[in-house]
N, C-alpha and C. Protein backbone atom coordinates (compact mmCIF):
# COMPACT_ATOMS: atom_id res chain seq x y z
N MET A 1 0.95 49.72 214.21
CA MET A 1 1.27 50.41 215.44
C MET A 1 0.82 49.52 216.59
N GLY A 2 1.74 49.16 217.44
CA GLY A 2 1.43 48.24 218.52
C GLY A 2 0.91 48.92 219.76
N ALA A 3 0.22 48.17 220.57
CA ALA A 3 -0.30 48.65 221.85
C ALA A 3 0.60 48.12 222.96
N ILE A 4 0.02 47.71 224.09
CA ILE A 4 0.83 47.23 225.21
C ILE A 4 0.62 45.75 225.46
N GLY A 5 0.03 45.07 224.54
CA GLY A 5 -0.21 43.64 224.69
C GLY A 5 -0.64 43.12 223.34
N ASP A 6 -1.64 42.28 223.35
CA ASP A 6 -2.19 41.79 222.09
C ASP A 6 -3.13 42.85 221.55
N GLY A 7 -2.61 43.68 220.72
CA GLY A 7 -3.43 44.73 220.13
C GLY A 7 -2.58 45.55 219.21
N GLY A 8 -3.22 46.18 218.29
CA GLY A 8 -2.52 47.03 217.35
C GLY A 8 -3.53 47.77 216.52
N ALA A 9 -3.04 48.62 215.65
CA ALA A 9 -3.91 49.42 214.81
C ALA A 9 -3.35 49.46 213.40
N ILE A 10 -4.24 49.54 212.46
CA ILE A 10 -3.90 49.78 211.07
C ILE A 10 -4.39 51.18 210.76
N VAL A 11 -3.50 52.01 210.24
CA VAL A 11 -3.84 53.38 209.91
C VAL A 11 -3.76 53.52 208.40
N THR A 12 -4.85 53.92 207.77
CA THR A 12 -4.86 54.05 206.31
C THR A 12 -5.85 55.14 205.91
N ASN A 13 -5.65 55.70 204.73
CA ASN A 13 -6.62 56.64 204.18
C ASN A 13 -7.31 56.04 202.96
N HIS A 14 -7.12 54.74 202.74
CA HIS A 14 -7.76 54.04 201.62
C HIS A 14 -9.08 53.43 202.12
N LYS A 15 -10.20 53.95 201.63
CA LYS A 15 -11.51 53.53 202.14
C LYS A 15 -11.79 52.04 201.96
N GLY A 16 -11.46 51.49 200.80
CA GLY A 16 -11.72 50.07 200.57
C GLY A 16 -10.90 49.17 201.48
N PHE A 17 -9.62 49.52 201.67
CA PHE A 17 -8.76 48.74 202.55
C PHE A 17 -9.24 48.85 204.00
N ALA A 18 -9.65 50.04 204.40
CA ALA A 18 -10.16 50.24 205.76
C ALA A 18 -11.40 49.38 206.00
N GLU A 19 -12.29 49.32 205.02
CA GLU A 19 -13.49 48.51 205.17
C GLU A 19 -13.15 47.03 205.27
N LEU A 20 -12.24 46.56 204.45
CA LEU A 20 -11.80 45.16 204.52
C LEU A 20 -11.22 44.85 205.89
N CYS A 21 -10.38 45.74 206.42
CA CYS A 21 -9.79 45.53 207.75
C CYS A 21 -10.86 45.46 208.83
N ARG A 22 -11.87 46.31 208.72
CA ARG A 22 -12.97 46.27 209.71
C ARG A 22 -13.69 44.92 209.66
N ARG A 23 -13.89 44.40 208.45
CA ARG A 23 -14.55 43.09 208.33
C ARG A 23 -13.68 41.98 208.92
N LEU A 24 -12.42 41.99 208.55
CA LEU A 24 -11.53 40.92 208.98
C LEU A 24 -11.35 40.89 210.49
N ARG A 25 -11.38 42.04 211.15
CA ARG A 25 -11.18 42.08 212.60
C ARG A 25 -12.36 41.50 213.36
N ASN A 26 -13.52 41.39 212.68
CA ASN A 26 -14.74 40.93 213.33
C ASN A 26 -15.30 39.71 212.59
N TYR A 27 -14.47 38.67 212.50
CA TYR A 27 -14.86 37.39 211.90
C TYR A 27 -15.27 37.48 210.44
N GLY A 28 -15.00 38.59 209.75
CA GLY A 28 -15.37 38.73 208.35
C GLY A 28 -16.76 39.26 208.11
N PHE A 29 -17.45 39.69 209.16
CA PHE A 29 -18.81 40.19 209.01
C PHE A 29 -18.84 41.58 208.39
N LYS A 30 -19.69 41.74 207.36
CA LYS A 30 -19.93 43.07 206.79
C LYS A 30 -21.04 43.75 207.57
N GLU A 31 -22.07 43.01 207.85
CA GLU A 31 -23.13 43.45 208.74
C GLU A 31 -23.51 42.26 209.61
N ARG A 32 -24.30 42.49 210.62
CA ARG A 32 -24.66 41.42 211.55
C ARG A 32 -25.17 40.19 210.80
N ASP A 33 -24.62 39.05 211.12
CA ASP A 33 -25.03 37.76 210.57
C ASP A 33 -24.71 37.57 209.09
N ALA A 34 -23.87 38.42 208.50
CA ALA A 34 -23.49 38.26 207.10
C ALA A 34 -21.96 38.24 207.00
N GLN A 35 -21.42 37.03 207.05
CA GLN A 35 -19.96 36.86 207.03
C GLN A 35 -19.51 36.78 205.57
N HIS A 36 -18.74 37.77 205.13
CA HIS A 36 -18.31 37.87 203.74
C HIS A 36 -16.91 37.30 203.51
N HIS A 37 -16.11 37.18 204.56
CA HIS A 37 -14.74 36.69 204.46
C HIS A 37 -14.45 35.82 205.68
N TRP A 38 -13.36 35.03 205.55
CA TRP A 38 -12.79 34.46 206.76
C TRP A 38 -12.28 35.65 207.56
N GLY A 39 -12.35 35.57 208.85
CA GLY A 39 -11.88 36.69 209.65
C GLY A 39 -11.38 36.23 211.00
N TYR A 40 -11.20 37.18 211.88
CA TYR A 40 -10.58 36.94 213.18
C TYR A 40 -11.37 37.68 214.25
N ASN A 41 -11.10 37.36 215.48
CA ASN A 41 -11.61 38.14 216.59
C ASN A 41 -10.47 39.07 217.01
N SER A 42 -10.39 40.20 216.35
CA SER A 42 -9.30 41.14 216.59
C SER A 42 -9.81 42.48 217.09
N ARG A 43 -10.91 42.44 217.78
CA ARG A 43 -11.42 43.68 218.37
C ARG A 43 -10.60 44.00 219.60
N LEU A 44 -10.42 45.26 219.87
CA LEU A 44 -9.60 45.69 221.00
C LEU A 44 -10.42 45.87 222.27
N ASP A 45 -9.78 45.58 223.40
CA ASP A 45 -10.41 45.97 224.66
C ASP A 45 -10.14 47.46 224.87
N GLU A 46 -10.82 48.04 225.84
CA GLU A 46 -10.75 49.49 226.05
C GLU A 46 -9.34 49.97 226.41
N LEU A 47 -8.60 49.19 227.20
CA LEU A 47 -7.26 49.60 227.60
C LEU A 47 -6.34 49.69 226.38
N GLN A 48 -6.34 48.65 225.53
CA GLN A 48 -5.51 48.67 224.33
C GLN A 48 -5.91 49.84 223.42
N ALA A 49 -7.20 50.08 223.27
CA ALA A 49 -7.67 51.18 222.43
C ALA A 49 -7.22 52.53 222.97
N ALA A 50 -7.24 52.69 224.29
CA ALA A 50 -6.81 53.95 224.90
C ALA A 50 -5.32 54.19 224.65
N VAL A 51 -4.51 53.14 224.77
CA VAL A 51 -3.07 53.27 224.53
C VAL A 51 -2.82 53.66 223.07
N LEU A 52 -3.48 52.97 222.16
CA LEU A 52 -3.30 53.28 220.74
C LEU A 52 -3.76 54.70 220.42
N SER A 53 -4.86 55.10 221.00
CA SER A 53 -5.37 56.45 220.77
C SER A 53 -4.35 57.50 221.22
N ALA A 54 -3.72 57.27 222.36
CA ALA A 54 -2.70 58.20 222.86
C ALA A 54 -1.46 58.18 221.97
N ARG A 55 -1.13 57.03 221.40
CA ARG A 55 0.07 56.91 220.56
C ARG A 55 -0.11 57.51 219.17
N LEU A 56 -1.35 57.71 218.73
CA LEU A 56 -1.59 58.25 217.40
C LEU A 56 -0.92 59.61 217.20
N ASP A 57 -0.86 60.41 218.25
CA ASP A 57 -0.25 61.74 218.14
C ASP A 57 1.22 61.67 217.73
N SER A 58 1.90 60.60 218.07
CA SER A 58 3.32 60.49 217.75
C SER A 58 3.60 59.61 216.53
N LEU A 59 2.56 59.14 215.86
CA LEU A 59 2.74 58.23 214.73
C LEU A 59 3.54 58.87 213.59
N ASP A 60 3.16 60.05 213.15
CA ASP A 60 3.85 60.68 212.02
C ASP A 60 5.32 60.93 212.34
N GLN A 61 5.61 61.46 213.54
CA GLN A 61 6.99 61.73 213.90
C GLN A 61 7.77 60.42 214.05
N GLY A 62 7.14 59.40 214.59
CA GLY A 62 7.79 58.09 214.70
C GLY A 62 8.16 57.53 213.34
N ASN A 63 7.26 57.68 212.36
CA ASN A 63 7.55 57.21 211.00
C ASN A 63 8.71 58.00 210.38
N ILE A 64 8.72 59.30 210.61
CA ILE A 64 9.82 60.14 210.11
C ILE A 64 11.14 59.70 210.74
N ASP A 65 11.13 59.48 212.05
CA ASP A 65 12.34 59.07 212.75
C ASP A 65 12.82 57.70 212.29
N ARG A 66 11.89 56.77 212.07
CA ARG A 66 12.26 55.43 211.61
C ARG A 66 12.86 55.50 210.20
N LEU A 67 12.28 56.34 209.34
CA LEU A 67 12.83 56.52 207.99
C LEU A 67 14.24 57.10 208.06
N SER A 68 14.46 58.01 208.99
CA SER A 68 15.79 58.58 209.17
C SER A 68 16.80 57.51 209.59
N VAL A 69 16.39 56.64 210.49
CA VAL A 69 17.27 55.53 210.90
C VAL A 69 17.58 54.66 209.69
N GLY A 70 16.57 54.33 208.90
CA GLY A 70 16.78 53.51 207.71
C GLY A 70 17.71 54.17 206.71
N GLU A 71 17.58 55.50 206.54
CA GLU A 71 18.45 56.22 205.62
C GLU A 71 19.90 56.21 206.12
N GLU A 72 20.08 56.30 207.43
CA GLU A 72 21.44 56.23 207.99
C GLU A 72 22.06 54.85 207.75
N TYR A 73 21.26 53.79 207.95
CA TYR A 73 21.75 52.45 207.64
C TYR A 73 22.14 52.36 206.16
N GLU A 74 21.26 52.88 205.31
CA GLU A 74 21.52 52.81 203.87
C GLU A 74 22.83 53.52 203.52
N ALA A 75 23.03 54.71 204.05
CA ALA A 75 24.27 55.46 203.79
C ALA A 75 25.49 54.71 204.33
N GLY A 76 25.36 54.13 205.51
CA GLY A 76 26.49 53.45 206.12
C GLY A 76 26.82 52.11 205.49
N LEU A 77 25.84 51.47 204.89
CA LEU A 77 26.06 50.13 204.34
C LEU A 77 26.28 50.10 202.83
N GLU A 78 26.12 51.26 202.17
CA GLU A 78 26.21 51.25 200.70
C GLU A 78 27.58 50.82 200.19
N SER A 79 28.62 51.02 200.96
CA SER A 79 29.96 50.64 200.50
C SER A 79 30.41 49.29 201.05
N VAL A 80 29.54 48.59 201.76
CA VAL A 80 29.90 47.29 202.33
C VAL A 80 29.45 46.21 201.34
N ASP A 81 30.42 45.60 200.67
CA ASP A 81 30.11 44.62 199.63
C ASP A 81 29.49 43.33 200.17
N GLU A 82 29.74 43.01 201.42
CA GLU A 82 29.31 41.73 201.98
C GLU A 82 27.83 41.68 202.33
N VAL A 83 27.16 42.83 202.36
CA VAL A 83 25.74 42.85 202.69
C VAL A 83 24.98 43.67 201.67
N CYS A 84 23.70 43.37 201.56
CA CYS A 84 22.80 44.11 200.69
C CYS A 84 21.60 44.53 201.53
N LEU A 85 21.33 45.82 201.58
CA LEU A 85 20.21 46.33 202.35
C LEU A 85 18.91 46.04 201.60
N VAL A 86 17.93 45.50 202.29
CA VAL A 86 16.61 45.28 201.71
C VAL A 86 15.86 46.60 201.83
N ARG A 87 15.53 47.19 200.71
CA ARG A 87 14.90 48.52 200.71
C ARG A 87 13.39 48.41 200.61
N GLY A 88 12.72 49.45 201.15
CA GLY A 88 11.28 49.55 201.00
C GLY A 88 10.58 49.73 202.33
N GLY A 89 9.39 50.23 202.26
CA GLY A 89 8.56 50.40 203.46
C GLY A 89 9.01 51.55 204.34
N ASN A 90 8.49 51.57 205.55
CA ASN A 90 8.84 52.65 206.49
C ASN A 90 9.89 52.18 207.49
N HIS A 91 10.59 51.14 207.15
CA HIS A 91 11.66 50.59 207.98
C HIS A 91 11.14 50.07 209.31
N HIS A 92 9.97 49.45 209.28
CA HIS A 92 9.49 48.71 210.46
C HIS A 92 10.51 47.64 210.78
N ILE A 93 11.04 47.03 209.74
CA ILE A 93 12.13 46.06 209.85
C ILE A 93 13.22 46.52 208.88
N VAL A 94 14.45 46.62 209.35
CA VAL A 94 15.56 46.91 208.45
C VAL A 94 16.29 45.59 208.24
N GLY A 95 16.13 45.07 207.04
CA GLY A 95 16.73 43.79 206.73
C GLY A 95 17.93 43.94 205.83
N ILE A 96 18.88 43.06 206.03
CA ILE A 96 20.03 42.97 205.14
C ILE A 96 20.14 41.52 204.67
N LEU A 97 20.76 41.34 203.53
CA LEU A 97 21.07 40.00 203.04
C LEU A 97 22.57 39.80 203.20
N CYS A 98 22.95 38.66 203.76
CA CYS A 98 24.35 38.39 204.05
C CYS A 98 24.60 36.90 203.86
N ARG A 99 25.59 36.56 203.07
CA ARG A 99 25.86 35.15 202.77
C ARG A 99 26.30 34.36 203.99
N ASN A 100 26.96 34.99 204.95
CA ASN A 100 27.39 34.29 206.15
C ASN A 100 26.65 34.87 207.36
N ARG A 101 25.34 34.72 207.34
CA ARG A 101 24.47 35.33 208.34
C ARG A 101 24.81 34.90 209.76
N SER A 102 25.03 33.64 209.99
CA SER A 102 25.26 33.17 211.37
C SER A 102 26.52 33.79 211.95
N LYS A 103 27.56 33.92 211.15
CA LYS A 103 28.80 34.53 211.62
C LYS A 103 28.59 36.01 211.95
N LEU A 104 27.88 36.72 211.09
CA LEU A 104 27.61 38.14 211.33
C LEU A 104 26.70 38.31 212.55
N LYS A 105 25.69 37.47 212.67
CA LYS A 105 24.78 37.55 213.81
C LYS A 105 25.54 37.37 215.13
N LYS A 106 26.43 36.38 215.18
CA LYS A 106 27.23 36.15 216.40
C LYS A 106 28.15 37.33 216.68
N PHE A 107 28.77 37.87 215.64
CA PHE A 107 29.66 39.02 215.79
C PHE A 107 28.90 40.21 216.38
N LEU A 108 27.74 40.50 215.83
CA LEU A 108 26.94 41.63 216.31
C LEU A 108 26.46 41.40 217.74
N GLU A 109 26.06 40.18 218.06
CA GLU A 109 25.62 39.88 219.42
C GLU A 109 26.75 40.05 220.43
N ARG A 110 27.98 39.67 220.06
CA ARG A 110 29.13 39.88 220.95
C ARG A 110 29.38 41.37 221.18
N ALA A 111 28.98 42.20 220.22
CA ALA A 111 29.14 43.66 220.34
C ALA A 111 27.93 44.30 221.03
N GLY A 112 26.99 43.46 221.51
CA GLY A 112 25.83 43.98 222.22
C GLY A 112 24.71 44.44 221.30
N ILE A 113 24.71 44.00 220.06
CA ILE A 113 23.69 44.40 219.08
C ILE A 113 22.76 43.23 218.84
N GLN A 114 21.51 43.40 219.22
CA GLN A 114 20.53 42.34 219.04
C GLN A 114 19.99 42.36 217.61
N THR A 115 19.98 41.21 216.98
CA THR A 115 19.43 41.07 215.64
C THR A 115 18.33 40.02 215.67
N SER A 116 17.59 39.92 214.58
CA SER A 116 16.54 38.92 214.47
C SER A 116 16.60 38.30 213.08
N ILE A 117 16.00 37.15 212.97
CA ILE A 117 15.83 36.53 211.66
C ILE A 117 14.32 36.42 211.45
N HIS A 118 13.80 37.30 210.63
CA HIS A 118 12.37 37.29 210.33
C HIS A 118 12.11 36.36 209.15
N TYR A 119 11.13 35.53 209.29
CA TYR A 119 10.66 34.64 208.23
C TYR A 119 11.75 33.71 207.70
N PRO A 120 12.32 32.88 208.56
CA PRO A 120 13.39 31.98 208.12
C PRO A 120 12.89 30.79 207.29
N ILE A 121 11.59 30.54 207.32
CA ILE A 121 11.03 29.42 206.56
C ILE A 121 10.08 29.98 205.51
N PRO A 122 10.30 29.68 204.24
CA PRO A 122 9.42 30.20 203.19
C PRO A 122 7.97 29.76 203.40
N ALA A 123 7.04 30.58 202.94
CA ALA A 123 5.62 30.29 203.11
C ALA A 123 5.24 28.94 202.51
N TYR A 124 5.80 28.61 201.35
CA TYR A 124 5.39 27.37 200.70
C TYR A 124 5.85 26.13 201.47
N ARG A 125 6.77 26.29 202.43
CA ARG A 125 7.18 25.16 203.25
C ARG A 125 6.50 25.16 204.62
N GLN A 126 5.68 26.15 204.90
CA GLN A 126 4.94 26.18 206.16
C GLN A 126 3.78 25.19 206.08
N LEU A 127 3.58 24.45 207.13
CA LEU A 127 2.53 23.45 207.15
C LEU A 127 1.16 24.04 206.79
N ALA A 128 0.89 25.24 207.26
CA ALA A 128 -0.42 25.86 207.03
C ALA A 128 -0.69 26.11 205.55
N TYR A 129 0.36 26.23 204.73
CA TYR A 129 0.17 26.59 203.32
C TYR A 129 0.54 25.48 202.36
N GLN A 130 0.93 24.32 202.85
CA GLN A 130 1.39 23.27 201.95
C GLN A 130 0.34 22.85 200.94
N SER A 131 -0.92 22.87 201.31
CA SER A 131 -1.96 22.48 200.35
C SER A 131 -2.08 23.50 199.22
N GLN A 132 -1.62 24.71 199.44
CA GLN A 132 -1.66 25.74 198.40
C GLN A 132 -0.51 25.59 197.41
N PHE A 133 0.50 24.83 197.79
CA PHE A 133 1.69 24.68 196.97
C PHE A 133 1.98 23.21 196.71
N ASP A 134 1.01 22.49 196.20
CA ASP A 134 1.19 21.07 195.93
C ASP A 134 2.32 20.82 194.94
N ASP A 135 2.51 21.73 194.00
CA ASP A 135 3.53 21.56 192.97
C ASP A 135 4.75 22.42 193.25
N ALA A 136 5.10 22.57 194.53
CA ALA A 136 6.21 23.45 194.91
C ALA A 136 7.51 23.04 194.23
N GLU A 137 7.68 21.76 193.99
CA GLU A 137 8.91 21.30 193.35
C GLU A 137 9.03 21.88 191.94
N ASP A 138 7.89 22.15 191.31
CA ASP A 138 7.91 22.67 189.95
C ASP A 138 8.07 24.19 189.91
N LEU A 139 7.90 24.85 191.05
CA LEU A 139 7.99 26.31 191.09
C LEU A 139 9.45 26.74 191.18
N PHE A 140 9.73 27.91 190.63
CA PHE A 140 11.07 28.45 190.76
C PHE A 140 11.12 29.28 192.04
N LEU A 141 11.68 28.69 193.10
CA LEU A 141 11.67 29.35 194.40
C LEU A 141 13.08 29.52 194.96
N ALA A 142 14.08 29.48 194.10
CA ALA A 142 15.45 29.62 194.57
C ALA A 142 15.68 30.97 195.25
N GLY A 143 15.08 32.02 194.72
CA GLY A 143 15.22 33.34 195.32
C GLY A 143 14.64 33.39 196.72
N THR A 144 13.51 32.75 196.91
CA THR A 144 12.88 32.69 198.22
C THR A 144 13.77 31.95 199.20
N GLU A 145 14.29 30.81 198.77
CA GLU A 145 15.18 30.02 199.63
C GLU A 145 16.41 30.84 200.03
N SER A 146 16.98 31.52 199.06
CA SER A 146 18.18 32.31 199.32
C SER A 146 17.90 33.42 200.33
N TRP A 147 16.80 34.14 200.15
CA TRP A 147 16.44 35.20 201.09
C TRP A 147 16.27 34.64 202.50
N CYS A 148 15.58 33.54 202.61
CA CYS A 148 15.32 32.97 203.94
C CYS A 148 16.60 32.51 204.62
N GLU A 149 17.60 32.16 203.86
CA GLU A 149 18.88 31.74 204.43
C GLU A 149 19.81 32.91 204.73
N GLU A 150 19.57 34.08 204.09
CA GLU A 150 20.51 35.20 204.21
C GLU A 150 19.97 36.41 204.95
N VAL A 151 18.67 36.52 205.12
CA VAL A 151 18.11 37.76 205.67
C VAL A 151 18.40 37.87 207.18
N LEU A 152 18.76 39.07 207.60
CA LEU A 152 19.03 39.37 209.00
C LEU A 152 18.46 40.76 209.28
N SER A 153 17.69 40.88 210.35
CA SER A 153 17.08 42.16 210.70
C SER A 153 17.92 42.89 211.73
N LEU A 154 18.22 44.15 211.42
CA LEU A 154 19.00 45.00 212.32
C LEU A 154 18.05 45.79 213.23
N PRO A 155 18.56 46.27 214.35
CA PRO A 155 17.70 47.07 215.24
C PRO A 155 17.20 48.32 214.53
N CYS A 156 15.94 48.63 214.68
CA CYS A 156 15.38 49.85 214.10
C CYS A 156 14.15 50.24 214.89
N HIS A 157 14.20 51.41 215.47
CA HIS A 157 13.03 51.97 216.14
C HIS A 157 13.18 53.48 216.14
N PRO A 158 12.09 54.20 216.31
CA PRO A 158 12.16 55.66 216.17
C PRO A 158 12.97 56.36 217.25
N HIS A 159 13.36 55.66 218.30
CA HIS A 159 14.11 56.30 219.39
C HIS A 159 15.62 56.09 219.27
N MET A 160 16.06 55.41 218.19
CA MET A 160 17.50 55.24 217.98
C MET A 160 18.11 56.58 217.61
N ASP A 161 19.27 56.87 218.18
CA ASP A 161 19.96 58.10 217.78
C ASP A 161 21.06 57.75 216.79
N LEU A 162 21.64 58.78 216.19
CA LEU A 162 22.65 58.58 215.15
C LEU A 162 23.83 57.76 215.65
N ASN A 163 24.27 57.98 216.87
CA ASN A 163 25.42 57.22 217.40
C ASN A 163 25.10 55.73 217.48
N GLU A 164 23.88 55.38 217.85
CA GLU A 164 23.50 53.96 217.93
C GLU A 164 23.50 53.34 216.54
N VAL A 165 22.96 54.05 215.55
CA VAL A 165 22.93 53.53 214.19
C VAL A 165 24.36 53.37 213.66
N LEU A 166 25.20 54.35 213.91
CA LEU A 166 26.58 54.27 213.45
C LEU A 166 27.33 53.12 214.13
N TYR A 167 27.02 52.85 215.40
CA TYR A 167 27.64 51.74 216.10
C TYR A 167 27.27 50.41 215.45
N VAL A 168 25.99 50.27 215.12
CA VAL A 168 25.56 49.04 214.43
C VAL A 168 26.28 48.92 213.10
């Protein structure tokens, strides 16, 4: 759940995951001067925290609305052979796989529909992770390559109405 700048919140009911997130947001410290993990400085300022606190009341309804948008996409795209809907999650991102992504992206943009390409470069080819994948040539990564070349994200937010989804 995003705030109004650099800030966000993780909402969970899993105690172990919540504790790990608390450590990671504060340089990995479990207690003062005891760093148990690599971590970040991800503590919020008061303004970001206030915005997130106010937004918590609409979180459940927003998730329901986003799932509804995703279900409408799924129903509308199930008979379209040229694309495959990527299923899962709460539809923070609605992704499709399309063999001619650039052509579809241009077509949608001409129709006033903004799309995105999330994660176009596989992790094993990112400079930050290359040392983790020294033997990448030996790994079977054809599926990863294919996804990165074909994935396209469609608009999805809890304020989309049925007519907007149908237009897309």
